[in-house]
């Protein structure tokens, strides 16, 4: 597998280099030099395959000869050891639950796969790998659990102080071992910028072997394609072939993976980007002007991103052709009030309890179906996190019905470990250099 920088298509690297470098020095993002198309025979018979089998087929096509097939299969069987079931709500709407992994969020797919790939490529005696990750909520917890105890790695997680839920903070701050946590007095965008500045700093990179666990890392993006193919597999078992997918979107890595899957042959009729008040992409799709803004805090905090990093990958897939992109991608935004009302309506209509991100995606499917009432495609919306992670966002009568997993209860008795820090790259750099 060869990859290029979005800022320099002539700069080709192998998969291992892209995984460890995370972001090219020219500040672009890595993209596959060639996007393989899966065989029609595989797609026609996809209903016969399990999630790990699908993951192996997709990863093999993308990664190629980067590692032996038996090693890749072992990584997938270990990393993707949980289900991602589709649950029908009505004749034309189904929810894809992606929160059945250890951190109770869809980020487990990317974090567990990436940590095992990095561990595989690390050789005994090599320099310690410093993993930097900014999180708006769920990424950090998934990365912490994915890398916890992995030899020769040290993880530093930056999160915006006071802007993640209590359970998200517990998942970040109760690990210890090789996991270090910084509470940044700012927004997710500030955390993300600090990480990007670290990768661009020559002195830091000379001292430490830095890599990222954010969705800018290609090893996070690849496994996120797995569950789109798996959703289609489950629909085919139901005799359904037409699919529209709604994705709660913040940093846009999730939907970038879906669009990559589509390029590999996944038959999705339409992608829907569902956002909260941080609506950079819906505004672009409406006006043609891409204008980032400072992020604002909402109940769906994992989507509180004003400058989504992965947007460059999406535009790269379409070679900058905004009109072609608009044929495939629709965008909707919703307020906190609409989100809370959606949580209530989902419960009243279907007995389903959704986290705020999932509720935003459901609202987008409703909006899309209202505009496309003649479509007979099934709308699949992604449920990206367990509702227990957002008790403050749920109406009290609904929150009381949420079954809290035992692993969450155990975390509440653990001591918290974190370091407070202002939005200051000199201080962040000093912290890293002192280690």
Protein backbone atom coordinates (compact mmCIF):
# COMPACT_ATOMS: atom_id res chain seq x y z
CA UNK A 1 0.00 0.00 0.00
CA UNK A 2 1.32 3.41 -1.00
CA UNK A 3 -0.05 6.67 0.36
CA UNK A 4 0.45 10.30 -0.63
CA UNK A 5 0.13 13.63 1.14
CA UNK A 6 -2.88 15.72 0.16
CA UNK A 7 -0.45 18.66 -0.05
CA UNK A 8 2.02 16.78 -2.27
CA UNK A 9 0.72 13.89 -4.42
CA UNK A 10 4.28 13.09 -5.47
CA UNK A 11 5.31 12.26 -1.88
CA UNK A 12 4.63 8.53 -1.56
CA UNK A 13 5.19 6.48 1.61
CA UNK A 14 4.37 2.94 2.67
CA UNK A 15 1.64 2.01 5.15
CA UNK A 16 3.98 1.59 8.14
CA UNK A 17 5.50 5.04 7.57
CA UNK A 18 2.07 6.67 7.30
CA UNK A 19 0.88 4.97 10.49
CA UNK A 20 3.84 6.15 12.55
CA UNK A 21 4.20 9.61 10.96
CA UNK A 22 0.43 10.12 11.20
CA UNK A 23 0.63 13.48 9.43
CA UNK A 24 3.13 14.43 6.71
CA UNK A 25 5.58 17.22 7.54
CA UNK A 26 3.88 19.37 4.87
CA UNK A 27 0.75 19.28 7.11
CA UNK A 28 -1.36 17.40 4.60
CA UNK A 29 -3.11 14.11 5.33
CA UNK A 30 -2.25 10.69 3.96
CA UNK A 31 -4.51 9.19 1.31
CA UNK A 32 -4.27 5.87 -0.55
CA UNK A 33 -2.50 6.30 -3.89
CA UNK A 34 -4.97 3.79 -5.32
CA UNK A 35 -8.44 2.98 -4.00
CA UNK A 36 -9.20 -0.66 -4.84
CA UNK A 37 -12.67 -1.77 -5.84
CA UNK A 38 -13.95 -4.89 -4.14
CA UNK A 39 -15.09 -7.71 -6.39
CA UNK A 40 -18.72 -7.78 -7.43
CA UNK A 41 -18.88 -11.40 -6.30
CA UNK A 42 -17.94 -10.36 -2.76
CA UNK A 43 -20.51 -7.54 -2.74
CA UNK A 44 -23.23 -9.80 -4.19
CA UNK A 45 -22.62 -12.40 -1.48
CA UNK A 46 -21.74 -10.04 1.39
CA UNK A 47 -24.72 -11.23 3.41
CA UNK A 48 -22.90 -14.51 4.00
CA UNK A 49 -19.95 -12.85 5.75
CA UNK A 50 -19.44 -12.02 9.43
CA UNK A 51 -18.11 -8.63 10.58
CA UNK A 52 -14.51 -9.91 11.07
CA UNK A 53 -14.62 -11.64 7.67
CA UNK A 54 -15.83 -8.42 6.02
CA UNK A 55 -13.16 -6.43 7.86
CA UNK A 56 -10.45 -8.78 6.61
CA UNK A 57 -11.60 -8.51 2.98
CA UNK A 58 -11.76 -4.71 3.10
CA UNK A 59 -8.47 -4.28 4.97
CA UNK A 60 -6.68 -6.75 2.70
CA UNK A 61 -7.77 -4.80 -0.36
CA UNK A 62 -6.58 -1.50 1.10
CA UNK A 63 -3.41 -2.55 2.91
CA UNK A 64 -2.23 -5.06 0.30
CA UNK A 65 1.21 -6.45 1.04
CA UNK A 66 1.89 -4.21 4.06
CA UNK A 67 1.72 -7.32 6.27
CA UNK A 68 1.11 -11.05 5.80
CA UNK A 69 -2.54 -12.08 5.52
CA UNK A 70 -2.41 -14.28 8.62
CA UNK A 71 -1.01 -11.41 10.73
CA UNK A 72 -3.68 -9.00 9.47
CA UNK A 73 -6.38 -11.56 10.23
CA UNK A 74 -5.06 -12.01 13.78
CA UNK A 75 -5.10 -8.24 14.33
CA UNK A 76 -8.69 -7.97 13.08
CA UNK A 77 -9.93 -10.93 15.10
CA UNK A 78 -8.45 -9.36 18.24
CA UNK A 79 -9.48 -5.76 17.55
CA UNK A 80 -12.98 -6.29 16.11
CA UNK A 81 -14.24 -8.65 18.79
CA UNK A 82 -17.68 -7.09 19.31
CA UNK A 83 -20.84 -6.71 17.26
CA UNK A 84 -22.32 -3.75 15.37
CA UNK A 85 -25.99 -4.73 14.99
CA UNK A 86 -28.67 -3.08 12.89
CA UNK A 87 -31.97 -2.52 14.68
CA UNK A 88 -35.08 -1.71 12.61
CA UNK A 89 -37.26 1.13 13.91
CA UNK A 90 -39.79 1.11 11.07
CA UNK A 91 -40.07 -0.11 7.47
CA UNK A 92 -37.67 2.50 6.10
CA UNK A 93 -35.43 3.31 9.09
CA UNK A 94 -32.79 1.30 10.92
CA UNK A 95 -30.16 2.24 13.48
CA UNK A 96 -26.61 0.87 13.33
CA UNK A 97 -25.32 0.48 16.88
CA UNK A 98 -21.57 1.08 17.06
CA UNK A 99 -21.20 1.33 20.84
CA UNK A 100 -20.77 -2.32 21.82
CA UNK A 101 -16.97 -2.11 22.22
CA UNK A 102 -15.00 -1.50 25.44
CA UNK A 103 -15.31 2.31 25.50
CA UNK A 104 -19.00 2.24 24.48
CA UNK A 105 -18.40 4.33 21.34
CA UNK A 106 -17.73 3.80 17.64
CA UNK A 107 -14.16 5.00 18.14
CA UNK A 108 -13.30 1.49 19.40
CA UNK A 109 -13.15 0.28 15.80
CA UNK A 110 -10.38 2.71 14.88
CA UNK A 111 -8.52 2.85 18.19
CA UNK A 112 -8.27 -0.90 18.73
CA UNK A 113 -7.22 -1.63 15.14
CA UNK A 114 -4.66 1.19 15.13
CA UNK A 115 -3.10 0.27 18.48
CA UNK A 116 -2.61 -3.31 17.37
CA UNK A 117 -1.16 -2.28 14.01
CA UNK A 118 1.30 0.02 15.77
CA UNK A 119 2.21 -2.68 18.26
CA UNK A 120 2.76 -5.11 15.37
CA UNK A 121 5.15 -2.75 13.57
CA UNK A 122 7.04 -1.73 16.72
CA UNK A 123 10.26 -3.66 17.10
CA UNK A 124 11.95 -4.49 20.40
CA UNK A 125 14.59 -1.88 21.26
CA UNK A 126 13.01 0.83 19.09
CA UNK A 127 12.49 4.36 20.43
CA UNK A 128 9.42 4.84 22.65
CA UNK A 129 6.37 5.78 20.59
CA UNK A 130 4.65 8.96 21.85
CA UNK A 131 0.99 8.95 20.81
CA UNK A 132 -0.73 12.36 20.92
CA UNK A 133 -4.50 12.62 20.68
CA UNK A 134 -6.99 15.46 20.97
CA UNK A 135 -10.52 14.47 21.94
CA UNK A 136 -13.91 16.11 22.05
CA UNK A 137 -15.22 13.18 24.05
CA UNK A 138 -15.21 9.61 22.77
CA UNK A 139 -11.90 9.38 20.89
CA UNK A 140 -9.80 9.74 24.03
CA UNK A 141 -11.53 6.96 25.93
CA UNK A 142 -11.26 4.55 23.01
CA UNK A 143 -7.60 5.38 22.47
CA UNK A 144 -6.83 5.07 26.20
CA UNK A 145 -8.35 1.59 26.36
CA UNK A 146 -6.87 0.60 23.01
CA UNK A 147 -3.31 1.48 24.04
CA UNK A 148 -3.48 0.75 27.77
CA UNK A 149 -0.52 -1.42 28.65
CA UNK A 150 0.79 -1.66 25.06
CA UNK A 151 4.58 -1.99 25.43
CA UNK A 152 6.89 0.80 24.25
CA UNK A 153 4.06 3.33 23.89
CA UNK A 154 3.09 6.44 25.84
CA UNK A 155 -0.22 8.18 25.18
CA UNK A 156 -0.95 11.85 25.88
CA UNK A 157 -4.63 12.82 25.61
CA UNK A 158 -5.76 16.45 25.42
CA UNK A 159 -9.39 17.25 26.20
CA UNK A 160 -11.28 20.56 26.65
CA UNK A 161 -11.85 21.11 30.36
CA UNK A 162 -15.51 21.03 31.36
CA UNK A 163 -16.67 20.14 27.84
CA UNK A 164 -16.90 16.34 28.05
CA UNK A 165 -19.41 14.26 29.98
CA UNK A 166 -18.59 12.80 33.39
CA UNK A 167 -18.30 9.26 32.05
CA UNK A 168 -16.14 10.41 29.14
CA UNK A 169 -13.84 12.14 31.64
CA UNK A 170 -13.70 9.01 33.79
CA UNK A 171 -12.69 6.96 30.74
CA UNK A 172 -9.86 9.43 30.14
CA UNK A 173 -8.57 10.03 33.65
CA UNK A 174 -8.78 6.68 35.47
CA UNK A 175 -6.31 4.59 33.49
CA UNK A 176 -2.79 5.44 34.67
CA UNK A 177 0.05 3.23 33.39
CA UNK A 178 1.14 4.58 29.99
CA UNK A 179 -1.83 6.97 29.64
CA UNK A 180 -1.33 10.67 30.49
CA UNK A 181 -4.11 13.25 30.33
CA UNK A 182 -4.12 17.04 29.91
CA UNK A 183 -7.17 19.21 30.71
CA UNK A 184 -6.92 22.12 28.28
CA UNK A 185 -8.66 25.39 29.21
CA UNK A 186 -10.19 25.80 25.75
CA UNK A 187 -12.14 24.00 23.02
CA UNK A 188 -11.54 20.81 21.08
CA UNK A 189 -10.25 22.91 18.20
CA UNK A 190 -7.62 24.33 20.59
CA UNK A 191 -6.61 20.79 21.62
CA UNK A 192 -6.40 19.70 18.00
CA UNK A 193 -4.29 22.73 17.08
CA UNK A 194 -1.82 22.01 19.89
CA UNK A 195 -1.37 18.48 18.57
CA UNK A 196 -0.87 19.72 15.01
CA UNK A 197 1.73 22.25 16.17
CA UNK A 198 3.59 19.49 17.99
CA UNK A 199 3.85 17.46 14.78
CA UNK A 200 5.18 20.49 12.93
CA UNK A 201 7.82 21.30 15.58
CA UNK A 202 11.28 20.11 14.48
CA UNK A 203 12.79 20.14 17.98
CA UNK A 204 9.99 18.00 19.43
CA UNK A 205 10.23 15.53 16.57
CA UNK A 206 13.98 15.27 16.99
CA UNK A 207 13.53 14.41 20.68
CA UNK A 208 10.44 12.17 20.52
CA UNK A 209 8.92 9.71 18.10
CA UNK A 210 5.52 11.35 17.73
CA UNK A 211 2.41 9.91 16.16
CA UNK A 212 -1.31 10.66 16.38
CA UNK A 213 -4.31 8.57 17.35
CA UNK A 214 -6.79 11.08 15.96
CA UNK A 215 -8.73 10.33 12.80
CA UNK A 216 -5.99 12.11 10.84
CA UNK A 217 -4.14 8.78 11.17
CA UNK A 218 -4.88 6.50 8.23
CA UNK A 219 -4.96 3.48 10.59
CA UNK A 220 -7.99 5.05 12.29
CA UNK A 221 -9.78 5.68 9.01
CA UNK A 222 -9.44 2.23 7.44
CA UNK A 223 -11.30 0.23 10.14
CA UNK A 224 -14.16 2.73 10.10
CA UNK A 225 -15.02 1.46 6.63
CA UNK A 226 -15.73 -2.00 8.08
CA UNK A 227 -19.07 -1.22 9.68
CA UNK A 228 -20.52 0.41 6.58
CA UNK A 229 -19.98 -2.81 4.64
CA UNK A 230 -21.30 -4.75 7.63
CA UNK A 231 -24.49 -2.66 7.68
CA UNK A 232 -25.04 -3.45 4.01
CA UNK A 233 -24.43 -7.14 4.76
CA UNK A 234 -27.17 -7.10 7.37
CA UNK A 235 -29.58 -5.34 5.02
CA UNK A 236 -28.92 -7.91 2.30
CA UNK A 237 -29.86 -10.66 4.74
CA UNK A 238 -33.20 -8.84 5.08
CA UNK A 239 -33.59 -8.71 1.30
CA UNK A 240 -32.84 -4.97 1.16
CA UNK A 241 -30.43 -3.51 -1.41
CA UNK A 242 -30.97 0.27 -1.37
CA UNK A 243 -29.30 2.17 1.45
CA UNK A 244 -29.00 5.80 2.58
CA UNK A 245 -26.67 6.50 5.50
CA UNK A 246 -26.88 9.36 8.04
CA UNK A 247 -23.71 10.03 10.04
CA UNK A 248 -23.43 12.29 13.12
CA UNK A 249 -20.45 14.39 12.09
CA UNK A 250 -17.84 16.47 13.93
CA UNK A 251 -14.28 16.00 12.68
CA UNK A 252 -15.70 14.19 9.61
CA UNK A 253 -13.48 11.12 9.84
CA UNK A 254 -16.51 8.85 10.17
CA UNK A 255 -18.21 10.03 7.02
CA UNK A 256 -14.88 10.20 5.17
CA UNK A 257 -14.55 6.47 5.86
CA UNK A 258 -18.06 5.92 4.50
CA UNK A 259 -17.23 7.79 1.30
CA UNK A 260 -14.04 5.75 0.99
CA UNK A 261 -16.14 2.58 1.34
CA UNK A 262 -18.41 3.86 -1.40
CA UNK A 263 -15.40 4.29 -3.69
CA UNK A 264 -14.50 0.67 -2.94
CA UNK A 265 -17.90 -0.42 -4.25
CA UNK A 266 -20.31 -0.06 -1.34
CA UNK A 267 -23.69 0.82 -2.91
CA UNK A 268 -24.85 3.80 -0.84
CA UNK A 269 -27.37 6.01 -2.62
CA UNK A 270 -26.80 9.04 -0.41
CA UNK A 271 -24.70 10.08 2.58
CA UNK A 272 -26.15 12.54 5.08
CA UNK A 273 -23.87 14.64 7.28
CA UNK A 274 -25.78 15.40 10.48
CA UNK A 275 -24.29 18.19 12.60
CA UNK A 276 -25.18 20.27 15.60
CA UNK A 277 -24.66 24.05 15.73
CA UNK A 278 -21.08 23.49 14.51
CA UNK A 279 -22.29 23.51 10.93
CA UNK A 280 -19.21 24.30 8.80
CA UNK A 281 -20.01 21.57 6.27
CA UNK A 282 -23.80 22.08 5.91
CA UNK A 283 -23.08 25.77 5.27
CA UNK A 284 -20.53 24.84 2.62
CA UNK A 285 -22.96 22.47 0.91
CA UNK A 286 -25.54 25.27 0.84
CA UNK A 287 -23.33 28.20 -0.16
CA UNK A 288 -20.20 26.75 -1.73
CA UNK A 289 -18.10 28.72 0.77
CA UNK A 290 -15.98 26.74 3.22
CA UNK A 291 -15.66 28.94 6.30
CA UNK A 292 -14.52 27.54 9.63
CA UNK A 293 -15.69 29.12 12.88
CA UNK A 294 -14.75 28.65 16.54
CA UNK A 295 -16.59 25.63 17.90
CA UNK A 296 -19.50 26.08 20.29
CA UNK A 297 -20.47 23.72 23.08
CA UNK A 298 -23.55 21.52 22.64
CA UNK A 299 -25.12 18.43 24.19
CA UNK A 300 -23.64 16.35 21.33
CA UNK A 301 -20.15 17.34 22.43
CA UNK A 302 -18.17 14.82 20.35
CA UNK A 303 -19.37 16.81 17.32
CA UNK A 304 -18.27 20.21 18.66
CA UNK A 305 -15.72 20.85 15.93
CA UNK A 306 -15.52 24.11 14.01
CA UNK A 307 -12.62 23.15 11.72
CA UNK A 308 -13.00 19.46 10.79
CA UNK A 309 -9.59 17.98 9.92
CA UNK A 310 -10.88 15.23 7.65
CA UNK A 311 -12.70 17.56 5.29
CA UNK A 312 -9.52 17.75 3.19
CA UNK A 313 -9.74 13.98 2.67
CA UNK A 314 -13.34 14.22 1.50
CA UNK A 315 -12.50 16.96 -0.99
CA UNK A 316 -9.51 14.89 -2.14
CA UNK A 317 -11.81 11.94 -2.88
CA UNK A 318 -13.78 14.25 -5.17
CA UNK A 319 -10.68 16.04 -6.53
CA UNK A 320 -12.06 19.35 -5.29
CA UNK A 321 -15.26 19.05 -7.35
CA UNK A 322 -17.86 20.49 -4.98
CA UNK A 323 -20.73 19.87 -7.39
CA UNK A 324 -19.88 16.17 -7.67
CA UNK A 325 -19.68 15.98 -3.87
CA UNK A 326 -23.10 17.57 -3.48
CA UNK A 327 -24.60 14.76 -5.56
CA UNK A 328 -23.49 12.28 -2.90
CA UNK A 329 -23.57 14.27 0.34
CA UNK A 330 -26.41 16.17 1.99
CA UNK A 331 -25.98 18.22 5.16
CA UNK A 332 -28.35 19.17 7.97
CA UNK A 333 -27.80 20.94 11.30
CA UNK A 334 -29.90 20.85 14.46
CA UNK A 335 -30.07 22.79 17.70
CA UNK A 336 -29.79 21.45 21.24
CA UNK A 337 -33.54 21.95 21.73
CA UNK A 338 -34.27 19.91 18.61
CA UNK A 339 -31.84 17.24 19.81
CA UNK A 340 -33.51 16.85 23.21
CA UNK A 341 -36.92 16.74 21.56
CA UNK A 342 -35.63 14.03 19.21
CA UNK A 343 -34.45 11.93 22.16
CA UNK A 344 -37.99 12.16 23.57
CA UNK A 345 -39.68 11.34 20.27
CA UNK A 346 -37.39 8.39 19.56
CA UNK A 347 -38.34 6.95 22.93
CA UNK A 348 -42.05 7.67 22.53
CA UNK A 349 -42.32 6.33 18.97
CA UNK A 350 -39.94 3.38 19.11
CA UNK A 351 -39.02 2.77 22.75
CA UNK A 352 -35.42 3.53 21.73
CA UNK A 353 -33.01 5.46 23.98
CA UNK A 354 -30.43 7.41 22.01
CA UNK A 355 -27.42 9.51 22.91
CA UNK A 356 -27.58 13.12 21.61
CA UNK A 357 -25.29 12.37 18.65
CA UNK A 358 -27.52 9.50 17.58
CA UNK A 359 -30.59 11.74 17.96
CA UNK A 360 -29.04 14.30 15.62
CA UNK A 361 -28.48 11.57 13.02
CA UNK A 362 -32.10 10.42 13.39
CA UNK A 363 -33.32 13.99 12.83
CA UNK A 364 -31.27 14.11 9.64
CA UNK A 365 -32.91 10.92 8.35
CA UNK A 366 -36.31 12.45 9.07
CA UNK A 367 -35.39 15.62 7.20
CA UNK A 368 -34.01 13.65 4.26
CA UNK A 369 -37.08 11.42 4.01
CA UNK A 370 -39.36 14.46 4.11
CA UNK A 371 -37.50 15.83 1.07
CA UNK A 372 -37.35 12.44 -0.70
CA UNK A 373 -40.68 10.83 0.09
CA UNK A 374 -40.66 8.85 -3.16
CA UNK A 375 -37.43 7.01 -2.27
CA UNK A 376 -37.76 3.35 -1.32
CA UNK A 377 -34.24 3.18 0.14
CA UNK A 378 -33.78 2.24 3.78
CA UNK A 379 -32.24 5.01 5.87
CA UNK A 380 -29.55 3.74 8.23
CA UNK A 381 -28.44 6.19 10.88
CA UNK A 382 -25.37 5.62 13.01
CA UNK A 383 -25.61 5.35 16.79
CA UNK A 384 -22.12 6.33 17.82
CA UNK A 385 -22.19 6.13 21.64
CA UNK A 386 -24.03 4.42 24.49
CA UNK A 387 -26.64 6.76 26.02
CA UNK A 388 -25.23 6.18 29.53
CA UNK A 389 -22.30 8.43 28.59
CA UNK A 390 -24.56 11.50 28.38
CA UNK A 391 -26.95 11.44 31.37
CA UNK A 392 -27.13 15.24 31.55
CA UNK A 393 -28.40 15.41 27.97
CA UNK A 394 -31.23 12.93 28.51
CA UNK A 395 -34.63 13.92 29.89
CA UNK A 396 -34.80 12.70 33.49
CA UNK A 397 -37.55 10.16 32.90
CA UNK A 398 -35.58 8.59 30.02
CA UNK A 399 -32.21 8.73 31.79
CA UNK A 400 -33.66 6.66 34.64
CA UNK A 401 -34.34 3.81 32.19
CA UNK A 402 -30.77 3.58 30.85
CA UNK A 403 -28.97 0.40 31.86
CA UNK A 404 -25.47 1.42 32.92
CA UNK A 405 -22.82 -1.22 32.05
CA UNK A 406 -20.88 -2.64 34.96
CA UNK A 407 -17.54 -1.36 33.67
CA UNK A 408 -18.83 2.21 33.98
CA UNK A 409 -19.86 1.69 37.60
CA UNK A 410 -16.38 0.36 38.43
CA UNK A 411 -14.68 3.45 37.00
CA UNK A 412 -16.42 5.76 39.47
CA UNK A 413 -14.41 4.29 42.33
CA UNK A 414 -11.05 4.84 40.64
CA UNK A 415 -8.84 7.91 41.35
CA UNK A 416 -8.61 10.51 38.59
CA UNK A 417 -5.25 11.57 37.17
CA UNK A 418 -4.86 14.63 34.92
CA UNK A 419 -2.85 17.84 34.49
CA UNK A 420 -4.44 21.25 33.88
CA UNK A 421 -2.93 23.39 31.13
CA UNK A 422 -3.86 26.64 29.32
CA UNK A 423 -4.05 26.91 25.54
CA UNK A 424 -0.32 27.48 25.15
CA UNK A 425 1.89 25.64 22.71
CA UNK A 426 5.08 26.74 24.53
CA UNK A 427 3.74 25.13 27.73
CA UNK A 428 2.58 22.01 25.90
CA UNK A 429 5.95 21.72 24.20
CA UNK A 430 7.78 22.19 27.51
CA UNK A 431 5.64 19.44 29.05
CA UNK A 432 6.55 17.04 26.25
CA UNK A 433 10.22 18.01 26.15
CA UNK A 434 10.62 17.50 29.92
CA UNK A 435 9.68 13.80 29.72
